[in-house]
Amino acid sequence: MKQRDVNIEKLREQFREFLRTKMYRNTQERFRVLERAAELDRHFTADELYVHMNTCGDKISRATVYSTLDLLTRCNILVKHRFQGDSATYELAARKPNHDHLICRDCGHMIEFQEGALLTLQDEIARRYGMRAVSHSLQIFASCGQGDNCRYRREHELSTTTSEQ
C-alpha cells in the first residue's frame, strides 16, 4: 500500500515534537505504528491496524497499537470517528482535511464529501458566540432504500464471508 499524498517525514517530525513536549518516550514501535497507519488509504480500526502490522511482520503488542493511536489522535495526525456507535475508526488527517461523511444505515456504505458552505457556516456560528472555529465533524446518517438489492451490502457480505474463511 502506498503512502499517497502524505509527507511521512513531516508526520514523523510532528509526532516527535509532540512526544518531546508531552514528555512521552520516543520509541521505534510508536513510529512504526505511525508509518503503518499512513500506509492505509482508508478508515481503519485499531484491530485492523494490528492485524495489518502483524501481517507485515511487525512484532508489536495490541496494547502498543491502541495507546499509540490515542497519542496520534491527540497530536492531530489521526482523526478518530465513531460511526453509528461502532468501534472507533481512524483516518490520517493530512490525507483528506476538512471533509465529512454521509453514511447509509442500511448497508454501511460511506461517502466522504467536502462542502464549502459548511466551512462558512462553522465560522459564522463560532463568531456568533465570540469564538474562532478550528474544525468540525459532521456525520449524516441516511438510508439508500435499496434493501437486499444494495450492491454495497452485497459487497460487504461477500468480503465478510471471505475474511471469515
Protein backbone atom coordinates (compact mmCIF):
# COMPACT_ATOMS: atom_id res chain seq x y z
CA MET A 1 0.00 0.00 0.00
CA LYS A 2 1.23 3.46 -0.87
CA GLN A 3 1.57 6.46 1.37
CA ARG A 4 -0.13 8.69 -1.20
CA ASP A 5 -0.38 12.42 -0.68
CA VAL A 6 1.36 12.17 2.68
CA ASN A 7 4.69 13.66 3.75
CA ILE A 8 5.72 10.93 6.19
CA GLU A 9 8.81 12.88 7.31
CA LYS A 10 6.63 15.84 8.27
CA LEU A 11 4.33 13.50 10.23
CA ARG A 12 7.31 11.90 11.99
CA GLU A 13 8.58 15.34 12.99
CA GLN A 14 5.14 16.40 14.22
CA PHE A 15 4.89 13.22 16.31
CA ARG A 16 8.48 13.55 17.59
CA GLU A 17 7.78 17.12 18.73
CA PHE A 18 4.50 16.07 20.41
CA LEU A 19 6.22 13.25 22.29
CA ARG A 20 9.04 15.57 23.38
CA THR A 21 6.79 18.38 24.63
CA LYS A 22 4.42 15.99 26.43
CA MET A 23 7.40 14.05 27.83
CA TYR A 24 6.50 10.67 26.32
CA ARG A 25 9.16 8.18 25.34
CA ASN A 26 10.25 8.31 21.72
CA THR A 27 10.15 4.61 20.71
CA GLN A 28 10.62 2.77 17.42
CA GLU A 29 7.32 0.94 17.98
CA ARG A 30 5.36 4.19 18.15
CA PHE A 31 6.87 5.43 14.92
CA ARG A 32 6.21 2.07 13.25
CA VAL A 33 2.52 2.42 14.16
CA LEU A 34 2.54 5.88 12.56
CA GLU A 35 4.16 4.54 9.39
CA ARG A 36 1.76 1.59 9.06
CA ALA A 37 -1.26 3.82 9.74
CA ALA A 38 -0.07 6.15 6.96
CA GLU A 39 0.00 3.18 4.58
CA LEU A 40 -3.73 2.61 4.99
CA ASP A 41 -5.60 4.76 2.49
CA ARG A 42 -8.98 4.30 4.20
CA HIS A 43 -10.71 4.33 7.57
CA PHE A 44 -9.40 1.61 9.85
CA THR A 45 -9.92 0.23 13.34
CA ALA A 46 -7.19 -0.41 15.87
CA ASP A 47 -7.64 -4.15 15.39
CA GLU A 48 -7.36 -3.83 11.60
CA LEU A 49 -4.10 -1.91 12.00
CA TYR A 50 -2.83 -4.50 14.48
CA VAL A 51 -3.57 -7.33 12.02
CA HIS A 52 -2.00 -5.33 9.17
CA MET A 53 1.16 -4.79 11.20
CA ASN A 54 1.46 -8.45 12.15
CA THR A 55 0.82 -9.49 8.55
CA CYS A 56 3.70 -7.20 7.54
CA GLY A 57 5.97 -8.91 10.08
CA ASP A 58 5.97 -6.21 12.74
CA LYS A 59 6.30 -7.59 16.25
CA ILE A 60 4.10 -5.28 18.29
CA SER A 61 1.55 -5.70 21.05
CA ARG A 62 -2.11 -4.81 20.66
CA ALA A 63 -1.77 -2.50 23.70
CA THR A 64 1.02 -0.54 21.97
CA VAL A 65 -1.13 -0.11 18.87
CA TYR A 66 -4.08 1.16 20.93
CA SER A 67 -2.02 3.53 23.07
CA THR A 68 -0.12 4.89 20.07
CA LEU A 69 -3.35 5.52 18.15
CA ASP A 70 -4.50 7.57 21.13
CA LEU A 71 -1.28 9.63 21.02
CA LEU A 72 -1.52 10.09 17.24
CA THR A 73 -5.09 11.35 17.68
CA ARG A 74 -4.10 13.73 20.47
CA CYS A 75 -1.38 15.28 18.30
CA ASN A 76 -3.80 15.68 15.34
CA ILE A 77 -2.10 13.21 12.99
CA LEU A 78 -5.13 10.92 13.07
CA VAL A 79 -8.83 11.70 13.32
CA LYS A 80 -10.95 9.35 15.39
CA HIS A 81 -14.56 8.67 14.40
CA ARG A 82 -17.43 6.69 15.87
CA PHE A 83 -19.91 5.86 13.13
CA GLN A 84 -23.32 4.61 14.35
CA GLY A 85 -21.88 3.55 17.69
CA ASP A 86 -19.46 1.11 16.07
CA SER A 87 -15.94 0.73 17.39
CA ALA A 88 -13.68 3.68 16.77
CA THR A 89 -12.25 4.15 13.30
CA TYR A 90 -9.28 6.28 12.39
CA GLU A 91 -8.04 8.10 9.33
CA LEU A 92 -4.99 10.17 8.54
CA ALA A 93 -5.89 13.84 8.99
CA ALA A 94 -3.44 15.06 6.35
CA ARG A 95 -4.78 12.83 3.61
CA LYS A 96 -8.21 14.46 3.32
CA PRO A 97 -8.64 17.50 5.58
CA ASN A 98 -11.97 19.21 6.24
CA HIS A 99 -14.27 16.51 4.98
CA ASP A 100 -17.48 15.00 6.28
CA HIS A 101 -19.31 11.69 6.00
CA LEU A 102 -22.64 10.50 4.60
CA ILE A 103 -23.36 7.00 5.94
CA CYS A 104 -26.11 4.59 4.93
CA ARG A 105 -27.71 3.00 7.98
CA ASP A 106 -28.96 0.09 5.86
CA CYS A 107 -25.75 -1.11 4.21
CA GLY A 108 -22.98 0.89 5.89
CA HIS A 109 -21.75 2.48 2.66
CA MET A 110 -19.92 5.72 3.38
CA ILE A 111 -19.41 8.71 1.13
CA GLU A 112 -16.80 11.30 2.06
CA PHE A 113 -17.57 14.82 0.86
CA GLN A 114 -16.44 18.40 1.20
CA GLU A 115 -18.89 21.28 1.23
CA GLY A 116 -17.59 24.83 1.32
CA ALA A 117 -20.88 26.11 2.75
CA LEU A 118 -20.22 24.06 5.91
CA LEU A 119 -16.88 25.80 6.44
CA THR A 120 -18.59 29.17 6.09
CA LEU A 121 -21.33 28.08 8.48
CA GLN A 122 -18.87 26.82 11.12
CA ASP A 123 -17.08 30.18 11.03
CA GLU A 124 -20.35 32.13 11.28
CA ILE A 125 -21.58 30.08 14.24
CA ALA A 126 -18.28 30.37 16.10
CA ARG A 127 -18.17 34.16 15.55
CA ARG A 128 -21.76 34.48 16.77
CA TYR A 129 -20.62 33.09 20.12
CA GLY A 130 -17.34 35.02 20.28
CA MET A 131 -15.13 32.12 19.27
CA ARG A 132 -12.90 31.08 16.37
CA ALA A 133 -13.72 27.83 14.57
CA VAL A 134 -10.87 25.37 14.36
CA SER A 135 -12.57 22.38 12.76
CA HIS A 136 -15.84 20.50 12.62
CA SER A 137 -17.05 16.95 12.22
CA LEU A 138 -20.31 16.12 10.50
CA GLN A 139 -21.87 12.70 10.04
CA ILE A 140 -25.10 12.45 8.12
CA PHE A 141 -26.93 9.15 8.52
CA ALA A 142 -29.23 8.23 5.65
CA SER A 143 -30.91 5.27 4.01
CA CYS A 144 -30.10 4.15 0.49
CA GLY A 145 -33.51 2.46 0.28
CA GLN A 146 -32.15 -0.41 -1.77
CA GLY A 147 -32.66 -3.13 0.85
CA ASP A 148 -31.28 -6.52 -0.20
CA ASN A 149 -30.64 -5.20 -3.72
CA CYS A 150 -27.97 -2.77 -2.50
CA ARG A 151 -24.67 -3.53 -4.20
CA TYR A 152 -22.71 -2.17 -1.23
CA ARG A 153 -24.49 -4.56 1.14
CA ARG A 154 -23.71 -7.49 -1.17
CA GLU A 155 -20.05 -6.40 -1.42
CA HIS A 156 -19.84 -6.10 2.39
CA GLU A 157 -21.43 -9.52 2.93
CA LEU A 158 -19.06 -11.08 0.37
CA SER A 159 -15.98 -9.53 1.97
CA THR A 160 -17.14 -10.58 5.45
CA THR A 161 -17.71 -14.17 4.28
CA THR A 162 -14.30 -14.25 2.55
CA SER A 163 -12.46 -12.92 5.61
CA GLU A 164 -14.11 -15.47 7.91
CA GLN A 165 -12.81 -18.42 5.84
